[in-house]
Protein backbone atom coordinates (compact mmCIF):
# COMPACT_ATOMS: atom_id res chain seq x y z
CA MET A 1 -5.11 4.01 -16.20
CA ASN A 2 -5.86 7.69 -16.75
CA LYS A 3 -3.15 10.25 -16.10
CA ALA A 4 -4.97 11.90 -13.19
CA LEU A 5 -5.37 8.61 -11.31
CA ASN A 6 -1.71 7.74 -11.81
CA LYS A 7 -0.65 11.16 -10.53
CA LEU A 8 -3.00 10.93 -7.53
CA GLN A 9 -1.83 7.45 -6.53
CA ARG A 10 1.77 8.63 -6.54
CA LEU A 11 0.83 11.66 -4.44
CA VAL A 12 -0.96 9.50 -1.87
CA MET A 13 1.91 7.01 -1.59
CA THR A 14 4.46 9.79 -1.17
CA ALA A 15 2.27 11.50 1.44
CA HIS A 16 1.84 8.20 3.28
CA ILE A 17 5.59 7.64 3.53
CA ARG A 18 6.23 11.20 4.69
CA LEU A 19 3.32 11.32 7.12
CA SER A 20 4.37 8.02 8.70
CA ARG A 21 7.37 9.85 10.16
CA SER A 22 5.00 12.18 12.02
CA PRO A 23 3.79 11.34 15.56
CA CYS A 24 0.27 12.04 14.30
CA PHE A 25 0.38 9.32 11.64
CA GLY A 26 3.14 6.93 12.73
CA PRO A 27 2.55 3.15 12.54
CA GLY A 28 3.24 3.01 16.27
CA LEU A 29 -0.34 4.23 16.76
CA SER A 30 -1.54 0.83 15.50
CA PHE A 31 1.05 -1.45 17.10
CA SER A 32 2.54 -1.84 20.56
CA PRO A 33 5.38 -3.72 22.30
CA GLU A 34 2.73 -6.16 23.52
CA THR A 35 1.92 -7.24 19.96
CA LEU A 36 5.36 -7.08 18.32
CA SER A 37 8.87 -7.72 19.60
CA PHE A 38 11.72 -5.35 18.73
CA ASP A 39 12.92 -7.62 15.90
CA GLU A 40 9.39 -8.05 14.56
CA TRP A 41 8.84 -4.29 14.64
CA ASN A 42 12.01 -3.75 12.61
CA VAL A 43 10.61 -6.04 9.93
CA VAL A 44 7.22 -4.30 9.55
CA ASN A 45 7.74 -0.64 10.43
CA HIS A 46 8.75 0.85 7.05
CA PRO A 47 5.70 2.70 5.67
CA ILE A 48 6.03 1.38 2.09
CA GLN A 49 5.08 -2.07 3.43
CA ASP A 50 1.72 -0.64 4.56
CA ALA A 51 1.75 -2.62 7.80
CA THR A 52 -1.82 -1.68 8.77
CA GLY A 53 -3.28 -1.86 5.25
CA SER A 54 -4.54 1.73 5.39
CA LEU A 55 -2.57 2.84 2.31
CA PHE A 56 -3.91 0.01 0.15
CA VAL A 57 -7.50 0.65 1.26
CA THR A 58 -7.07 4.39 0.57
CA LEU A 59 -5.88 3.58 -2.94
CA LEU A 60 -8.85 1.23 -3.47
CA SER A 61 -11.20 4.00 -2.34
CA ILE A 62 -9.54 6.50 -4.67
CA ARG A 63 -9.86 4.08 -7.58
CA ARG A 64 -13.57 3.65 -6.80
CA ASN A 65 -13.91 7.45 -7.01
CA ARG A 66 -11.20 8.14 -9.56
CA PRO A 67 -10.59 11.58 -11.07
CA CYS A 68 -11.07 11.68 -14.82
CA GLY A 69 -9.83 13.80 -17.69
CA TYR A 70 -8.02 17.08 -17.98
CA ASP A 71 -10.62 18.74 -15.73
CA SER A 72 -8.69 17.12 -12.87
CA PHE A 73 -5.64 19.31 -13.57
CA LEU A 74 -5.00 22.97 -12.85
CA PRO A 75 -4.52 25.33 -15.82
CA SER A 76 -1.21 26.98 -16.71
CA PRO A 77 1.14 27.96 -15.09
CA TYR A 78 0.64 24.95 -12.77
CA HIS A 79 2.28 22.26 -14.84
CA ASP A 80 0.82 18.78 -14.36
CA GLN A 81 -0.75 19.64 -10.99
CA LEU A 82 -4.06 18.14 -9.83
CA THR A 83 -6.86 20.48 -8.80
CA GLN A 84 -7.30 21.36 -5.16
CA THR A 85 -10.67 19.58 -5.10
CA VAL A 86 -9.09 16.29 -6.19
CA ARG A 87 -6.25 16.62 -3.69
CA ARG A 88 -8.56 17.57 -0.81
CA ASP A 89 -10.76 14.56 -1.49
CA ALA A 90 -7.69 12.27 -1.43
CA ALA A 91 -6.53 13.83 1.85
CA ALA A 92 -9.93 13.21 3.45
CA ARG A 93 -9.97 9.58 2.24
CA TYR A 94 -6.47 8.99 3.58
CA SER A 95 -7.37 10.61 6.92
CA SER A 96 -10.66 8.72 7.32
CA ILE A 97 -9.08 5.36 6.57
CA PHE A 98 -6.02 6.04 8.72
CA LYS A 99 -8.30 6.79 11.69
CA PHE A 100 -10.22 3.60 10.94
CA TYR A 101 -7.02 1.60 11.54
CA ALA A 102 -5.28 3.60 14.27
CA GLN A 103 -6.00 2.71 17.88
CA GLN A 104 -5.58 6.33 18.77
CA VAL A 105 -4.82 9.67 17.17
CA GLY A 106 -2.42 11.03 19.74
CA ALA A 107 -2.17 14.67 18.70
CA PRO A 108 -4.33 17.82 18.81
CA ASN A 109 -6.63 18.26 15.81
CA LEU A 110 -4.71 21.29 14.61
CA HIS A 111 -1.39 19.42 14.46
CA PHE A 112 -3.04 16.45 12.73
CA VAL A 113 -4.79 18.56 10.10
CA ARG A 114 -1.78 20.75 9.45
CA SER A 115 0.52 17.75 8.94
CA LEU A 116 -2.01 16.22 6.56
CA MET A 117 -2.79 19.28 4.46
CA GLU A 118 0.87 20.23 4.07
CA GLU A 119 1.23 17.01 2.06
CA PHE A 120 -1.80 17.57 -0.17
CA LEU A 121 -2.01 21.34 -0.68
CA LEU A 122 0.36 23.68 -2.50
CA THR A 123 2.25 26.19 -0.36
CA GLU A 124 0.09 29.07 -1.56
CA GLU A 125 -3.09 27.10 -0.74
CA LEU A 126 -2.23 26.50 2.92
CA ALA A 127 -4.00 28.42 5.68
CA GLN A 128 -2.05 31.34 7.13
CA TYR A 129 -3.75 32.16 10.41
CA HIS A 130 -5.04 30.18 13.37
CA ALA A 131 -8.68 30.93 12.50
CA ASP A 132 -8.07 29.64 8.96
CA TRP A 133 -6.65 26.38 10.34
CA GLN A 134 -9.69 26.00 12.58
CA ARG A 135 -11.84 26.23 9.45
CA GLU A 136 -9.62 23.59 7.84
CA ILE A 137 -10.41 21.26 10.77
CA THR A 138 -14.15 21.79 10.26
CA ARG A 139 -13.81 21.31 6.50
CA LEU A 140 -11.85 18.06 6.88
CA HIS A 141 -14.31 16.67 9.42
CA ALA A 142 -17.19 17.41 7.03
CA SER A 143 -15.38 15.65 4.16
CA GLU A 144 -14.56 12.66 6.35
CA PHE A 145 -18.18 12.38 7.48
CA LYS A 146 -19.37 12.41 3.85
CA ILE A 147 -16.90 9.63 2.96
CA LEU A 148 -17.95 7.54 5.95
CA LEU A 149 -21.58 7.78 4.80
CA GLN A 150 -20.89 6.97 1.15
CA GLU A 151 -17.97 4.53 1.17
CA PRO A 152 -18.20 0.88 2.35
CA LEU A 153 -15.06 1.23 4.48
CA LEU A 154 -15.69 -1.83 6.65
CA THR A 155 -16.04 -4.04 3.58
CA LEU A 156 -13.02 -2.45 1.88
CA ALA A 157 -10.92 -2.92 5.01
CA ASN A 158 -11.93 -6.47 5.91
CA THR A 159 -12.44 -8.18 2.55
CA ASN A 160 -9.65 -6.80 0.38
CA PRO A 161 -6.93 -9.19 -0.89
CA MET A 162 -4.26 -7.93 1.50
CA ALA A 163 -6.43 -8.36 4.59
CA LEU A 164 -7.61 -11.84 3.54
CA ALA A 165 -4.06 -12.92 2.66
CA GLU A 166 -2.82 -11.72 6.05
CA ASN A 167 -5.54 -13.81 7.72
CA LYS A 168 -4.41 -16.86 5.73
CA LEU A 169 -0.81 -16.34 6.83
CA PHE A 170 -1.69 -16.16 10.49
CA GLU A 171 -3.90 -19.22 10.19
CA GLU A 172 -0.68 -20.98 9.13
CA VAL A 173 1.08 -19.49 12.15
CA ALA A 174 -1.68 -20.83 14.41
CA ALA A 175 -1.28 -24.24 12.77
CA LYS A 176 2.49 -23.96 13.32
CA SER A 177 3.18 -24.39 9.60
CA ILE A 178 5.25 -21.19 9.66
CA THR A 179 6.61 -18.92 12.38
CA LYS A 180 5.24 -15.48 13.21
CA MET A 181 8.46 -13.91 11.89
CA GLU A 182 8.14 -15.77 8.58
CA ALA A 183 4.55 -14.56 8.32
CA LEU A 184 5.57 -10.94 8.99
CA VAL A 185 8.30 -11.11 6.33
CA MET A 186 5.87 -12.47 3.73
CA ARG A 187 3.22 -9.94 4.81
CA GLY A 188 5.82 -7.22 4.29
CA ALA A 189 6.06 -8.09 0.59
CA PHE A 190 2.30 -7.98 -0.08
CA PHE A 191 2.09 -4.29 -0.92
CA PHE A 192 4.90 -4.57 -3.46
CA PHE A 193 2.91 -7.08 -5.51
CA LEU A 194 -0.45 -5.34 -5.12
CA GLY A 195 1.07 -1.88 -5.56
CA SER A 196 2.77 -2.99 -8.78
CA CYS A 197 -0.67 -3.93 -10.11
CA LEU A 198 -2.12 -0.58 -9.02
CA MET A 199 0.65 1.33 -10.80
CA ASN A 200 0.11 -0.37 -14.19
CA LYS A 201 -0.52 2.53 -16.60
CA THR A 202 -2.08 0.49 -19.40
CA GLN A 203 -4.46 -1.85 -17.56
CA ASP A 204 -6.69 -1.74 -14.49
CA VAL A 205 -5.15 -4.96 -13.19
CA ILE A 206 -6.76 -5.04 -9.75
CA GLU A 207 -10.21 -4.36 -11.18
CA GLY A 208 -9.62 -7.04 -13.83
CA LEU A 209 -8.77 -9.59 -11.15
CA TYR A 210 -11.85 -8.62 -9.12
CA GLU A 211 -14.03 -9.18 -12.20
CA SER A 212 -12.41 -12.54 -13.03
CA VAL A 213 -12.09 -14.31 -9.68
CA ASP A 214 -13.25 -14.10 -6.07
CA THR A 215 -11.25 -11.87 -3.74
CA ASP A 216 -10.34 -14.95 -1.72
CA ILE A 217 -8.61 -16.40 -4.80
CA ILE A 218 -6.55 -13.20 -5.21
CA ALA A 219 -5.57 -13.47 -1.53
CA GLU A 220 -4.57 -17.10 -2.02
CA GLY A 221 -2.44 -16.05 -4.98
CA LEU A 222 -0.82 -13.34 -2.87
CA VAL A 223 0.15 -15.88 -0.20
CA ALA A 224 1.41 -18.29 -2.86
CA VAL A 225 3.65 -15.71 -4.53
CA ALA A 226 5.05 -14.69 -1.14
CA GLN A 227 5.82 -18.32 -0.29
CA THR A 228 7.52 -18.94 -3.63
CA CYS A 229 9.63 -15.78 -3.33
CA ARG A 230 10.58 -16.56 0.28
CA TYR A 231 12.01 -19.91 -0.75
CA ALA A 232 13.61 -18.50 -3.91
CA SER A 233 15.40 -15.83 -1.83
CA LYS A 234 17.24 -18.42 0.26
CA LYS A 235 20.92 -19.21 -0.27
CA PRO A 236 21.02 -21.46 -2.21
CA SER A 237 17.71 -20.74 -3.89
CA ILE A 238 14.92 -23.27 -3.36
CA LEU A 239 12.41 -23.73 -6.18
CA TYR A 240 9.05 -24.05 -4.46
CA LYS A 241 5.52 -23.83 -5.83
CA PRO A 242 2.55 -24.26 -3.48
CA ASN A 243 -0.03 -26.84 -4.50
CA CYS A 244 -2.76 -24.47 -5.67
CA SER A 245 -5.49 -24.55 -8.30
CA ARG A 246 -4.87 -23.47 -11.87
CA VAL A 247 -6.76 -20.20 -11.35
CA VAL A 248 -4.59 -19.31 -8.33
CA ASP A 249 -1.48 -20.00 -10.40
CA GLN A 250 -2.81 -17.59 -13.03
CA VAL A 251 -3.30 -14.89 -10.38
CA VAL A 252 0.29 -15.48 -9.21
CA MET A 253 1.56 -14.98 -12.77
CA VAL A 254 -0.34 -11.68 -13.02
CA LEU A 255 1.23 -10.51 -9.74
CA LEU A 256 4.73 -11.56 -10.84
CA ASP A 257 4.41 -10.03 -14.31
CA ASN A 258 3.48 -6.66 -12.80
CA ALA A 259 6.25 -6.94 -10.19
CA MET A 260 8.74 -7.46 -13.03
CA SER A 261 7.46 -4.50 -15.07
CA ALA A 262 9.00 -1.04 -15.22
CA HIS A 263 6.03 0.56 -13.44
CA SER A 264 6.91 -1.32 -10.24
CA GLY A 265 9.98 0.94 -9.98
CA ILE A 266 7.94 3.63 -8.19
CA LEU A 267 7.75 1.27 -5.21
CA ARG A 268 11.47 0.57 -5.06
CA THR A 269 12.31 2.30 -1.80
CA GLY A 270 13.22 1.12 1.70
CA PRO A 271 12.80 -2.67 2.00
CA TYR A 272 11.66 -2.78 -1.64
CA SER A 273 14.78 -1.04 -2.98
CA VAL A 274 17.23 -2.61 -5.40
CA ALA A 275 20.87 -2.84 -4.33
CA VAL A 276 23.12 -0.39 -6.20
CA GLU A 277 26.11 -2.01 -7.84
CA GLY A 278 29.23 -1.54 -5.72
CA PHE A 279 27.27 -1.01 -2.50
CA GLU A 280 26.29 -3.46 0.21
CA PRO A 281 22.75 -4.71 -0.54
CA ASN A 282 19.90 -4.03 1.85
CA LYS A 283 19.82 -6.84 4.42
CA HIS A 284 16.14 -6.41 5.23
CA PRO A 285 14.50 -9.85 4.80
CA VAL A 286 11.67 -8.40 2.71
CA ASN A 287 14.25 -6.84 0.40
CA LEU A 288 15.60 -10.31 -0.37
CA MET A 289 12.10 -11.52 -1.29
CA VAL A 290 11.40 -8.76 -3.81
CA ASP A 291 14.85 -8.73 -5.39
CA PRO A 292 14.34 -8.63 -9.21
CA ARG A 293 16.38 -11.83 -9.59
CA VAL A 294 14.17 -13.61 -7.06
CA ILE A 295 11.00 -12.44 -8.81
CA LYS A 296 12.41 -13.61 -12.16
CA THR A 297 13.19 -17.00 -10.61
CA ALA A 298 9.67 -17.20 -9.19
CA ARG A 299 8.15 -16.36 -12.58
CA GLY A 300 10.18 -19.14 -14.14
CA ILE A 301 8.78 -21.61 -11.62
CA TYR A 302 5.24 -20.81 -12.76
CA GLY A 303 6.13 -21.07 -16.43
CA GLU A 304 4.05 -19.66 -19.24
């Protein structure tokens, strides 16, 4: 992975977590009490889990249009800072895809755009006056329109591994093989495994999987790894391996290897965090599933 892409992915993930606290971008715009109970909401509502899938799709879009080389960075004295063009493009992709998922955008345009651009622009780049912010609205809308024309957002949203794996989980709920709560807990771990692949600095893991197997196979592997980790997180641990094809098992091993690697550490926040020695561990059910010891146990189940 090139340095600019790694930097941009980190920026987008950080912006996503921070923006999710805003009424303009909160996950509550995509969910309601009619679809999730209070307990279910508490399982899915942390932004790092990417409950809607908008973060993952944004990152896929960015990787399809990745920045390259040192031309993506500002000159001195801005140390290691991406150019405004690169950051504005990422902001527009995040905004377009967020709106694609949200049932409503319940804030005035000015508030929405200001919240967004404060995450992607440097302080000295931000508009100062009301008229300047109005121009920012027009500029963002033009960028979003260009992305909507050029990017296959419907395909990216509906046929990516996370979306297909979520469908598989809820097919199991419909068949009463698992409960809705169990499905939500497993769904909550999906982004940790996929995000760990995205953050690999030496290999384009997601692209490699796409070239090797069908997206449906990656989704099946994602469900399988979630099932194995759910059982392994129980007390006492249960060693469980779904009856899948050899190629699905290989996908699972790729997901687990990346989840065990150092680059997965960037995702270790909220329900993905690791308990600090001497402190009470996070009791979030997803946290138990992605505990490093559980992932190591799961990798052992799949062998070499």
